[in-house]
Structures are given as C-alpha cells and as structure tokens.
PDB file of N, CA and C in Angstrom:
ATOM      1  N   UNK A   1     -24.756  25.515   1.548  1.00  0.00           N
ATOM      2  CA  UNK A   1     -24.120  25.380   0.357  1.00  0.00           C
ATOM      3  C   UNK A   1     -22.708  24.844   0.557  1.00  0.00           C
ATOM      4  N   UNK A   2     -22.055  24.241  -0.163  1.00  0.00           N
ATOM      5  CA  UNK A   2     -20.859  23.685   0.007  1.00  0.00           C
ATOM      6  C   UNK A   2     -19.697  24.906  -0.229  1.00  0.00           C
ATOM      7  N   UNK A   3     -18.631  24.546   0.521  1.00  0.00           N
ATOM      8  CA  UNK A   3     -17.571  25.663   0.096  1.00  0.00           C
ATOM      9  C   UNK A   3     -16.541  24.721  -1.027  1.00  0.00           C
ATOM     10  N   UNK A   4     -16.322  25.548  -1.868  1.00  0.00           N
ATOM     11  CA  UNK A   4     -15.418  25.004  -2.989  1.00  0.00           C
ATOM     12  C   UNK A   4     -13.950  25.083  -2.394  1.00  0.00           C
ATOM     13  N   UNK A   5     -13.417  23.954  -2.856  1.00  0.00           N
ATOM     14  CA  UNK A   5     -11.519  24.240  -2.563  1.00  0.00           C
ATOM     15  C   UNK A   5     -11.474  23.669  -1.227  1.00  0.00           C
ATOM     16  N   UNK A   6     -12.388  23.168  -0.273  1.00  0.00           N
ATOM     17  CA  UNK A   6     -11.801  23.004   1.014  1.00  0.00           C
ATOM     18  C   UNK A   6     -11.676  21.454   0.904  1.00  0.00           C
ATOM     19  N   UNK A   7     -10.302  21.118   1.517  1.00  0.00           N
ATOM     20  CA  UNK A   7     -10.092  19.686   1.597  1.00  0.00           C
ATOM     21  C   UNK A   7     -10.360  19.086   3.212  1.00  0.00           C
ATOM     22  N   UNK A   8     -10.812  18.106   3.208  1.00  0.00           N
ATOM     23  CA  UNK A   8     -11.388  17.822   4.741  1.00  0.00           C
ATOM     24  C   UNK A   8      -9.897  17.430   5.516  1.00  0.00           C
ATOM     25  N   UNK A   9      -9.608  17.578   6.677  1.00  0.00           N
ATOM     26  CA  UNK A   9      -8.496  16.872   7.452  1.00  0.00           C
ATOM     27  C   UNK A   9      -8.880  15.466   7.792  1.00  0.00           C
ATOM     28  N   UNK A  10      -7.915  14.655   7.288  1.00  0.00           N
ATOM     29  CA  UNK A  10      -7.967  13.367   7.659  1.00  0.00           C
ATOM     30  C   UNK A  10      -7.361  13.230   9.232  1.00  0.00           C
ATOM     31  N   UNK A  11      -8.115  12.725  10.140  1.00  0.00           N
ATOM     32  CA  UNK A  11      -7.743  12.542  11.523  1.00  0.00           C
ATOM     33  C   UNK A  11      -7.573  10.862  11.644  1.00  0.00           C
ATOM     34  N   UNK A  12      -6.541  10.626  12.339  1.00  0.00           N
ATOM     35  CA  UNK A  12      -6.309   9.203  12.489  1.00  0.00           C
ATOM     36  C   UNK A  12      -5.953   9.085  14.102  1.00  0.00           C
ATOM     37  N   UNK A  13      -6.085   7.651  14.587  1.00  0.00           N
ATOM     38  CA  UNK A  13      -6.260   7.698  15.846  1.00  0.00           C
ATOM     39  C   UNK A  13      -5.079   7.925  16.646  1.00  0.00           C
ATOM     40  N   UNK A  14      -3.849   7.544  16.087  1.00  0.00           N
ATOM     41  CA  UNK A  14      -2.628   7.662  16.735  1.00  0.00           C
ATOM     42  C   UNK A  14      -1.547   8.389  15.764  1.00  0.00           C
ATOM     43  N   UNK A  15      -1.747   9.728  15.558  1.00  0.00           N
ATOM     44  CA  UNK A  15      -0.898  10.521  14.520  1.00  0.00           C
ATOM     45  C   UNK A  15       0.519  10.264  14.905  1.00  0.00           C
ATOM     46  N   UNK A  16       1.379  10.315  13.809  1.00  0.00           N
ATOM     47  CA  UNK A  16       2.859  10.256  14.117  1.00  0.00           C
ATOM     48  C   UNK A  16       3.209  11.459  14.656  1.00  0.00           C
ATOM     49  N   UNK A  17       4.169  11.230  15.846  1.00  0.00           N
ATOM     50  CA  UNK A  17       4.730  12.380  16.246  1.00  0.00           C
ATOM     51  C   UNK A  17       5.814  12.994  15.894  1.00  0.00           C
ATOM     52  N   UNK A  18       6.416  14.040  15.909  1.00  0.00           N
ATOM     53  CA  UNK A  18       7.708  14.417  15.308  1.00  0.00           C
ATOM     54  C   UNK A  18       8.998  13.486  15.630  1.00  0.00           C
ATOM     55  N   UNK A  19       9.770  13.585  14.668  1.00  0.00           N
ATOM     56  CA  UNK A  19      10.903  12.689  15.026  1.00  0.00           C
ATOM     57  C   UNK A  19      11.496  12.946  16.121  1.00  0.00           C
ATOM     58  N   UNK A  20      11.777  14.304  16.597  1.00  0.00           N
ATOM     59  CA  UNK A  20      12.460  14.782  17.534  1.00  0.00           C
ATOM     60  C   UNK A  20      11.772  14.401  18.963  1.00  0.00           C
ATOM     61  N   UNK A  21      10.653  14.192  18.996  1.00  0.00           N
ATOM     62  CA  UNK A  21       9.720  13.759  20.291  1.00  0.00           C
ATOM     63  C   UNK A  21      10.305  12.216  20.568  1.00  0.00           C
ATOM     64  N   UNK A  22      10.452  12.103  21.902  1.00  0.00           N
ATOM     65  CA  UNK A  22      10.871  10.929  22.354  1.00  0.00           C
ATOM     66  C   UNK A  22       9.581  10.009  22.244  1.00  0.00           C
ATOM     67  N   UNK A  23       8.628  10.273  22.455  1.00  0.00           N
ATOM     68  CA  UNK A  23       7.179   9.510  22.047  1.00  0.00           C
ATOM     69  C   UNK A  23       7.291   8.657  20.622  1.00  0.00           C
ATOM     70  N   UNK A  24       8.162   9.235  19.807  1.00  0.00           N
ATOM     71  CA  UNK A  24       8.037   8.858  18.468  1.00  0.00           C
ATOM     72  C   UNK A  24       8.660   7.163  18.264  1.00  0.00           C
ATOM     73  N   UNK A  25       9.580   6.782  19.336  1.00  0.00           N
ATOM     74  CA  UNK A  25      10.127   5.831  19.501  1.00  0.00           C
ATOM     75  C   UNK A  25       8.955   4.632  20.010  1.00  0.00           C
ATOM     76  N   UNK A  26       8.223   4.881  20.815  1.00  0.00           N
ATOM     77  CA  UNK A  26       6.980   4.259  21.315  1.00  0.00           C
ATOM     78  C   UNK A  26       6.113   4.037  20.129  1.00  0.00           C
ATOM     79  N   UNK A  27       5.725   5.245  19.448  1.00  0.00           N
ATOM     80  CA  UNK A  27       4.724   5.210  18.416  1.00  0.00           C
ATOM     81  C   UNK A  27       5.462   4.202  17.319  1.00  0.00           C
ATOM     82  N   UNK A  28       6.507   4.261  17.057  1.00  0.00           N
ATOM     83  CA  UNK A  28       7.105   3.394  15.794  1.00  0.00           C
ATOM     84  C   UNK A  28       7.130   2.005  16.207  1.00  0.00           C
ATOM     85  N   UNK A  29       7.590   1.604  17.494  1.00  0.00           N
ATOM     86  CA  UNK A  29       7.412   0.485  18.166  1.00  0.00           C
ATOM     87  C   UNK A  29       6.257  -0.277  17.819  1.00  0.00           C
ATOM     88  N   UNK A  30       5.228   0.415  18.215  1.00  0.00           N
ATOM     89  CA  UNK A  30       3.622  -0.168  18.092  1.00  0.00           C
ATOM     90  C   UNK A  30       3.314  -0.285  16.551  1.00  0.00           C
ATOM     91  N   UNK A  31       3.867   0.461  15.650  1.00  0.00           N
ATOM     92  CA  UNK A  31       3.479   0.585  14.039  1.00  0.00           C
ATOM     93  C   UNK A  31       3.943  -0.669  13.673  1.00  0.00           C
ATOM     94  N   UNK A  32       3.248  -1.290  12.966  1.00  0.00           N
ATOM     95  CA  UNK A  32       3.780  -2.652  12.310  1.00  0.00           C
ATOM     96  C   UNK A  32       4.500  -2.672  10.968  1.00  0.00           C
ATOM     97  N   UNK A  33       4.283  -1.329  10.408  1.00  0.00           N
ATOM     98  CA  UNK A  33       5.118  -1.230   9.197  1.00  0.00           C
ATOM     99  C   UNK A  33       6.616  -0.810   9.422  1.00  0.00           C
ATOM    100  N   UNK A  34       6.649  -0.436  10.611  1.00  0.00           N
ATOM    101  CA  UNK A  34       8.252   0.345  10.946  1.00  0.00           C
ATOM    102  C   UNK A  34       9.038  -0.889  11.695  1.00  0.00           C
ATOM    103  N   UNK A  35      10.069  -1.185  11.113  1.00  0.00           N
ATOM    104  CA  UNK A  35      11.022  -2.414  11.491  1.00  0.00           C
ATOM    105  C   UNK A  35      11.958  -1.908  12.765  1.00  0.00           C
ATOM    106  N   UNK A  36      12.500  -2.657  13.450  1.00  0.00           N
ATOM    107  CA  UNK A  36      13.600  -2.238  14.585  1.00  0.00           C
ATOM    108  C   UNK A  36      14.779  -1.531  13.818  1.00  0.00           C
ATOM    109  N   UNK A  37      15.066  -2.054  12.556  1.00  0.00           N
ATOM    110  CA  UNK A  37      16.291  -1.493  11.871  1.00  0.00           C
ATOM    111  C   UNK A  37      15.978  -0.006  11.367  1.00  0.00           C
ATOM    112  N   UNK A  38      14.800   0.152  11.150  1.00  0.00           N
ATOM    113  CA  UNK A  38      14.232   1.687  10.758  1.00  0.00           C
ATOM    114  C   UNK A  38      14.305   2.607  11.854  1.00  0.00           C
ATOM    115  N   UNK A  39      14.016   2.043  13.013  1.00  0.00           N
ATOM    116  CA  UNK A  39      13.988   2.910  14.306  1.00  0.00           C
ATOM    117  C   UNK A  39      15.529   3.137  14.716  1.00  0.00           C
ATOM    118  N   UNK A  40      16.357   2.071  14.702  1.00  0.00           N
ATOM    119  CA  UNK A  40      17.569   2.265  14.681  1.00  0.00           C
ATOM    120  C   UNK A  40      18.380   3.302  13.880  1.00  0.00           C
ATOM    121  N   UNK A  41      17.993   3.215  12.643  1.00  0.00           N
ATOM    122  CA  UNK A  41      18.496   4.094  11.541  1.00  0.00           C
ATOM    123  C   UNK A  41      18.016   5.787  11.919  1.00  0.00           C
ATOM    124  N   UNK A  42      16.928   5.640  12.205  1.00  0.00           N
ATOM    125  CA  UNK A  42      16.410   7.209  12.570  1.00  0.00           C
ATOM    126  C   UNK A  42      16.687   7.475  13.982  1.00  0.00           C
ATOM    127  N   UNK A  43      16.880   6.782  15.166  1.00  0.00           N
ATOM    128  CA  UNK A  43      17.164   7.276  16.235  1.00  0.00           C
ATOM    129  C   UNK A  43      18.404   6.990  17.011  1.00  0.00           C
ATOM    130  N   UNK A  44      18.984   5.763  16.391  1.00  0.00           N
ATOM    131  CA  UNK A  44      20.139   5.197  16.708  1.00  0.00           C
ATOM    132  C   UNK A  44      20.033   4.153  18.049  1.00  0.00           C
ATOM    133  N   UNK A  45      18.728   3.907  18.463  1.00  0.00           N
ATOM    134  CA  UNK A  45      18.488   2.970  19.521  1.00  0.00           C
ATOM    135  C   UNK A  45      18.342   1.630  18.976  1.00  0.00           C
ATOM    136  N   UNK A  46      18.772   0.545  19.596  1.00  0.00           N
ATOM    137  CA  UNK A  46      18.901  -0.658  19.104  1.00  0.00           C
ATOM    138  C   UNK A  46      17.746  -1.374  19.538  1.00  0.00           C
ATOM    139  N   UNK A  47      17.123  -2.534  19.100  1.00  0.00           N
ATOM    140  CA  UNK A  47      16.084  -3.187  19.648  1.00  0.00           C
ATOM    141  C   UNK A  47      15.997  -3.494  20.959  1.00  0.00           C
ATOM    142  N   UNK A  48      17.073  -3.783  21.790  1.00  0.00           N
ATOM    143  CA  UNK A  48      17.072  -3.973  23.172  1.00  0.00           C
ATOM    144  C   UNK A  48      16.954  -2.824  23.981  1.00  0.00           C
ATOM    145  N   UNK A  49      17.299  -1.616  23.203  1.00  0.00           N
ATOM    146  CA  UNK A  49      16.869  -0.140  23.921  1.00  0.00           C
ATOM    147  C   UNK A  49      15.545   0.067  23.727  1.00  0.00           C
ATOM    148  N   UNK A  50      15.101  -0.098  22.562  1.00  0.00           N
ATOM    149  CA  UNK A  50      13.551   0.193  22.397  1.00  0.00           C
ATOM    150  C   UNK A  50      12.681  -0.827  23.418  1.00  0.00           C
ATOM    151  N   UNK A  51      13.051  -2.047  23.615  1.00  0.00           N
ATOM    152  CA  UNK A  51      12.420  -2.862  24.499  1.00  0.00           C
ATOM    153  C   UNK A  51      12.421  -2.240  25.863  1.00  0.00           C
ATOM    154  N   UNK A  52      13.465  -1.827  26.360  1.00  0.00           N
ATOM    155  CA  UNK A  52      13.678  -1.019  27.433  1.00  0.00           C
ATOM    156  C   UNK A  52      12.867   0.014  27.780  1.00  0.00           C
ATOM    157  N   UNK A  53      12.791   1.077  26.656  1.00  0.00           N
ATOM    158  CA  UNK A  53      12.023   2.165  26.617  1.00  0.00           C
ATOM    159  C   UNK A  53      10.428   1.686  26.651  1.00  0.00           C
ATOM    160  N   UNK A  54      10.174   0.413  25.994  1.00  0.00           N
ATOM    161  CA  UNK A  54       8.734   0.285  26.042  1.00  0.00           C
ATOM    162  C   UNK A  54       8.387  -0.219  27.633  1.00  0.00           C
ATOM    163  N   UNK A  55       9.240  -1.017  28.110  1.00  0.00           N
ATOM    164  CA  UNK A  55       8.979  -1.548  29.380  1.00  0.00           C
ATOM    165  C   UNK A  55       8.859  -0.432  30.475  1.00  0.00           C
ATOM    166  N   UNK A  56       9.566   0.507  30.223  1.00  0.00           N
ATOM    167  CA  UNK A  56       9.544   1.606  31.152  1.00  0.00           C
ATOM    168  C   UNK A  56       8.342   2.547  31.026  1.00  0.00           C
ATOM    169  N   UNK A  57       8.022   2.869  29.591  1.00  0.00           N
ATOM    170  CA  UNK A  57       7.145   3.745  29.424  1.00  0.00           C
ATOM    171  C   UNK A  57       5.300   3.320  29.150  1.00  0.00           C
ATOM    172  N   UNK A  58       5.098   2.254  29.067  1.00  0.00           N
ATOM    173  CA  UNK A  58       3.950   1.666  29.048  1.00  0.00           C
ATOM    174  C   UNK A  58       3.354   0.680  30.127  1.00  0.00           C
ATOM    175  N   UNK A  59       2.243   0.472  30.232  1.00  0.00           N
ATOM    176  CA  UNK A  59       1.926  -0.353  31.682  1.00  0.00           C
ATOM    177  C   UNK A  59       2.246  -1.829  31.327  1.00  0.00           C
ATOM    178  N   UNK A  60       2.373  -2.513  32.322  1.00  0.00           N
ATOM    179  CA  UNK A  60       2.958  -3.789  32.067  1.00  0.00           C
ATOM    180  C   UNK A  60       2.132  -4.837  31.530  1.00  0.00           C
ATOM    181  N   UNK A  61       0.840  -4.629  31.572  1.00  0.00           N
ATOM    182  CA  UNK A  61      -0.059  -5.570  30.470  1.00  0.00           C
ATOM    183  C   UNK A  61       0.186  -5.157  29.037  1.00  0.00           C
ATOM    184  N   UNK A  62       0.055  -3.753  28.894  1.00  0.00           N
ATOM    185  CA  UNK A  62       0.323  -3.257  27.538  1.00  0.00           C
ATOM    186  C   UNK A  62       1.794  -3.872  26.941  1.00  0.00           C
ATOM    187  N   UNK A  63       2.838  -3.670  27.932  1.00  0.00           N
ATOM    188  CA  UNK A  63       3.892  -4.355  27.349  1.00  0.00           C
ATOM    189  C   UNK A  63       4.097  -5.757  26.990  1.00  0.00           C
ATOM    190  N   UNK A  64       3.423  -6.523  27.967  1.00  0.00           N
ATOM    191  CA  UNK A  64       3.180  -7.935  27.508  1.00  0.00           C
ATOM    192  C   UNK A  64       2.734  -8.339  26.122  1.00  0.00           C
ATOM    193  N   UNK A  65       1.488  -7.424  25.954  1.00  0.00           N
ATOM    194  CA  UNK A  65       0.676  -7.310  24.610  1.00  0.00           C
ATOM    195  C   UNK A  65       1.773  -7.091  23.334  1.00  0.00           C
ATOM    196  N   UNK A  66       2.444  -6.010  23.675  1.00  0.00           N
ATOM    197  CA  UNK A  66       3.435  -5.659  22.529  1.00  0.00           C
ATOM    198  C   UNK A  66       4.362  -6.523  22.289  1.00  0.00           C
ATOM    199  N   UNK A  67       4.884  -7.272  23.348  1.00  0.00           N
ATOM    200  CA  UNK A  67       5.898  -8.455  23.141  1.00  0.00           C
ATOM    201  C   UNK A  67       5.439  -9.398  22.424  1.00  0.00           C
ATOM    202  N   UNK A  68       4.212  -9.887  22.893  1.00  0.00           N
ATOM    203  CA  UNK A  68       3.695 -11.099  22.227  1.00  0.00           C
ATOM    204  C   UNK A  68       3.316 -10.743  20.830  1.00  0.00           C
ATOM    205  N   UNK A  69       2.891  -9.448  20.511  1.00  0.00           N
ATOM    206  CA  UNK A  69       2.772  -8.977  19.022  1.00  0.00           C
ATOM    207  C   UNK A  69       3.945  -8.971  18.161  1.00  0.00           C
ATOM    208  N   UNK A  70       4.809  -8.298  18.936  1.00  0.00           N
ATOM    209  CA  UNK A  70       6.051  -8.377  17.933  1.00  0.00           C
ATOM    210  C   UNK A  70       6.658  -9.634  17.849  1.00  0.00           C
ATOM    211  N   UNK A  71       6.593 -10.592  18.527  1.00  0.00           N
ATOM    212  CA  UNK A  71       7.195 -11.920  18.489  1.00  0.00           C
ATOM    213  C   UNK A  71       6.283 -12.887  17.556  1.00  0.00           C
ATOM    214  N   UNK A  72       5.132 -12.596  17.335  1.00  0.00           N
ATOM    215  CA  UNK A  72       4.335 -13.370  16.597  1.00  0.00           C
ATOM    216  C   UNK A  72       4.468 -12.575  15.278  1.00  0.00           C
ATOM    217  N   UNK A  73       4.541 -11.465  14.966  1.00  0.00           N
ATOM    218  CA  UNK A  73       4.374 -10.750  13.640  1.00  0.00           C
ATOM    219  C   UNK A  73       5.973 -10.867  13.005  1.00  0.00           C
ATOM    220  N   UNK A  74       6.158 -11.112  11.741  1.00  0.00           N
ATOM    221  CA  UNK A  74       7.303 -11.357  11.440  1.00  0.00           C
ATOM    222  C   UNK A  74       7.905  -9.936  10.827  1.00  0.00           C
ATOM    223  N   UNK A  75       7.049  -9.063  10.603  1.00  0.00           N
ATOM    224  CA  UNK A  75       7.625  -7.970  10.079  1.00  0.00           C
ATOM    225  C   UNK A  75       8.108  -6.727  10.909  1.00  0.00           C
ATOM    226  N   UNK A  76       8.555  -6.766  12.088  1.00  0.00           N
ATOM    227  CA  UNK A  76       9.261  -5.971  13.033  1.00  0.00           C
ATOM    228  C   UNK A  76      10.798  -6.296  12.589  1.00  0.00           C
ATOM    229  N   UNK A  77      11.001  -7.257  12.234  1.00  0.00           N
ATOM    230  CA  UNK A  77      12.431  -7.646  11.546  1.00  0.00           C
ATOM    231  C   UNK A  77      12.627  -7.551  10.276  1.00  0.00           C
ATOM    232  N   UNK A  78      13.436  -6.937   9.486  1.00  0.00           N
ATOM    233  CA  UNK A  78      13.589  -6.683   8.176  1.00  0.00           C
ATOM    234  C   UNK A  78      13.777  -8.059   7.488  1.00  0.00           C
ATOM    235  N   UNK A  79      14.709  -9.122   7.935  1.00  0.00           N
ATOM    236  CA  UNK A  79      15.140 -10.237   7.347  1.00  0.00           C
ATOM    237  C   UNK A  79      13.875 -10.997   7.294  1.00  0.00           C
ATOM    238  N   UNK A  80      13.181 -11.261   8.575  1.00  0.00           N
ATOM    239  CA  UNK A  80      12.077 -12.102   8.850  1.00  0.00           C
ATOM    240  C   UNK A  80      10.955 -11.518   7.737  1.00  0.00           C
ATOM    241  N   UNK A  81      10.724 -10.358   7.662  1.00  0.00           N
ATOM    242  CA  UNK A  81       9.737  -9.669   6.839  1.00  0.00           C
ATOM    243  C   UNK A  81       9.987 -10.132   5.226  1.00  0.00           C
ATOM    244  N   UNK A  82      11.209  -9.675   4.957  1.00  0.00           N
ATOM    245  CA  UNK A  82      11.534 -10.084   3.456  1.00  0.00           C
ATOM    246  C   UNK A  82      11.308 -11.496   3.243  1.00  0.00           C
ATOM    247  N   UNK A  83      11.707 -12.636   4.076  1.00  0.00           N
ATOM    248  CA  UNK A  83      11.746 -14.024   4.035  1.00  0.00           C
ATOM    249  C   UNK A  83      10.213 -14.188   3.881  1.00  0.00           C
ATOM    250  N   UNK A  84       9.226 -13.723   4.773  1.00  0.00           N
ATOM    251  CA  UNK A  84       7.914 -13.915   4.535  1.00  0.00           C
ATOM    252  C   UNK A  84       7.212 -13.600   3.211  1.00  0.00           C
ATOM    253  N   UNK A  85       7.713 -12.192   2.772  1.00  0.00           N
ATOM    254  CA  UNK A  85       7.253 -11.804   1.498  1.00  0.00           C
ATOM    255  C   UNK A  85       7.612 -12.624   0.385  1.00  0.00           C
ATOM    256  N   UNK A  86       8.891 -13.357   0.251  1.00  0.00           N
ATOM    257  CA  UNK A  86       9.429 -14.462  -0.621  1.00  0.00           C
ATOM    258  C   UNK A  86       8.516 -15.543  -0.529  1.00  0.00           C
ATOM    259  N   UNK A  87       8.124 -16.033   0.579  1.00  0.00           N
ATOM    260  CA  UNK A  87       7.006 -17.090   0.610  1.00  0.00           C
ATOM    261  C   UNK A  87       5.905 -17.145   0.025  1.00  0.00           C
ATOM    262  N   UNK A  88       5.498 -15.727   0.484  1.00  0.00           N
ATOM    263  CA  UNK A  88       4.064 -15.461  -0.142  1.00  0.00           C
ATOM    264  C   UNK A  88       4.163 -15.159  -1.609  1.00  0.00           C
ATOM    265  N   UNK A  89       4.812 -14.533  -2.271  1.00  0.00           N
ATOM    266  CA  UNK A  89       5.046 -14.377  -3.412  1.00  0.00           C
ATOM    267  C   UNK A  89       5.164 -15.762  -4.246  1.00  0.00           C
ATOM    268  N   UNK A  90       5.923 -16.595  -3.619  1.00  0.00           N
ATOM    269  CA  UNK A  90       6.186 -18.007  -4.262  1.00  0.00           C
ATOM    270  C   UNK A  90       5.077 -18.776  -4.419  1.00  0.00           C
ATOM    271  N   UNK A  91       4.166 -18.661  -3.148  1.00  0.00           N
ATOM    272  CA  UNK A  91       2.901 -19.268  -3.231  1.00  0.00           C
ATOM    273  C   UNK A  91       1.989 -18.684  -4.302  1.00  0.00           C
ATOM    274  N   UNK A  92       2.108 -17.552  -4.521  1.00  0.00           N
ATOM    275  CA  UNK A  92       0.916 -16.901  -5.423  1.00  0.00           C
ATOM    276  C   UNK A  92       1.544 -17.370  -6.882  1.00  0.00           C
ATOM    277  N   UNK A  93       2.887 -17.464  -7.019  1.00  0.00           N
ATOM    278  CA  UNK A  93       3.262 -17.538  -8.401  1.00  0.00           C
ATOM    279  C   UNK A  93       2.974 -18.956  -8.712  1.00  0.00           C
ATOM    280  N   UNK A  94       3.037 -20.128  -7.688  1.00  0.00           N
ATOM    281  CA  UNK A  94       2.672 -21.424  -7.820  1.00  0.00           C
ATOM    282  C   UNK A  94       1.249 -21.508  -8.293  1.00  0.00           C
ATOM    283  N   UNK A  95       0.123 -20.796  -7.584  1.00  0.00           N
ATOM    284  CA  UNK A  95      -1.132 -20.961  -7.705  1.00  0.00           C
ATOM    285  C   UNK A  95      -1.603 -20.215  -9.187  1.00  0.00           C
ATOM    286  N   UNK A  96      -0.643 -19.454  -9.460  1.00  0.00           N
ATOM    287  CA  UNK A  96      -1.137 -18.736 -10.958  1.00  0.00           C
ATOM    288  C   UNK A  96      -0.780 -19.993 -12.068  1.00  0.00           C
ATOM    289  N   UNK A  97      -0.091 -20.762 -11.963  1.00  0.00           N
ATOM    290  CA  UNK A  97       0.162 -21.970 -12.799  1.00  0.00           C
ATOM    291  C   UNK A  97      -1.062 -23.142 -12.707  1.00  0.00           C
ATOM    292  N   UNK A  98      -1.519 -23.231 -11.777  1.00  0.00           N
ATOM    293  CA  UNK A  98      -2.356 -24.347 -11.578  1.00  0.00           C
ATOM    294  C   UNK A  98      -3.588 -24.211 -12.202  1.00  0.00           C
TER     295      UNK A  98
END
C-alpha cells in the first residue's frame, strides 16, 4: 500500500555543497551554469585564484580535462555567454522568417 503525502528525495550525482564549504569553489568551477563572475561575487576569488585552487585540489589529468572544457565552453565567462546567446537568438529569428 502506498503512503500518502510522501515526496521522494531527489538524489543528484554531485549535490551542491554549502556556500561556506571550501569544496563549493571546486563544485562551482565544474558546474557549467556558474560563471567565474558568479564565483567571484559569492566567494571573492578571481578566475586565476579559482584556477590555482583547481590545480591544487584535483588530479593533474582532471585539471587538464577541466581547463580544456572551460576554454571550449563559452558559458564560464558572462560576456562570452551573453554573446553566444545573442548569436543563437539571431539565428532562430532569421530561421523563423524563412
């Protein structure tokens, strides 16, 4: 018999740590939706400081993978992200009229 009013707990692979936890910077650096500007606003750490933290905290192969990923994705920097969104929306608008 099913229990009424029970909400299942959603488990994620990498849950967000507390903001005060030092691991939050590492978690945020891996997260695609959190920009370096957001990390700086929340923790006061600049992009170069985040890179140093990542270099010290994760394995060398993981660090290389992360750097490659950050350099290829335009969403870790707010300006690049906004520029890429403008390009996408302009392409969508052009295709709507064809």
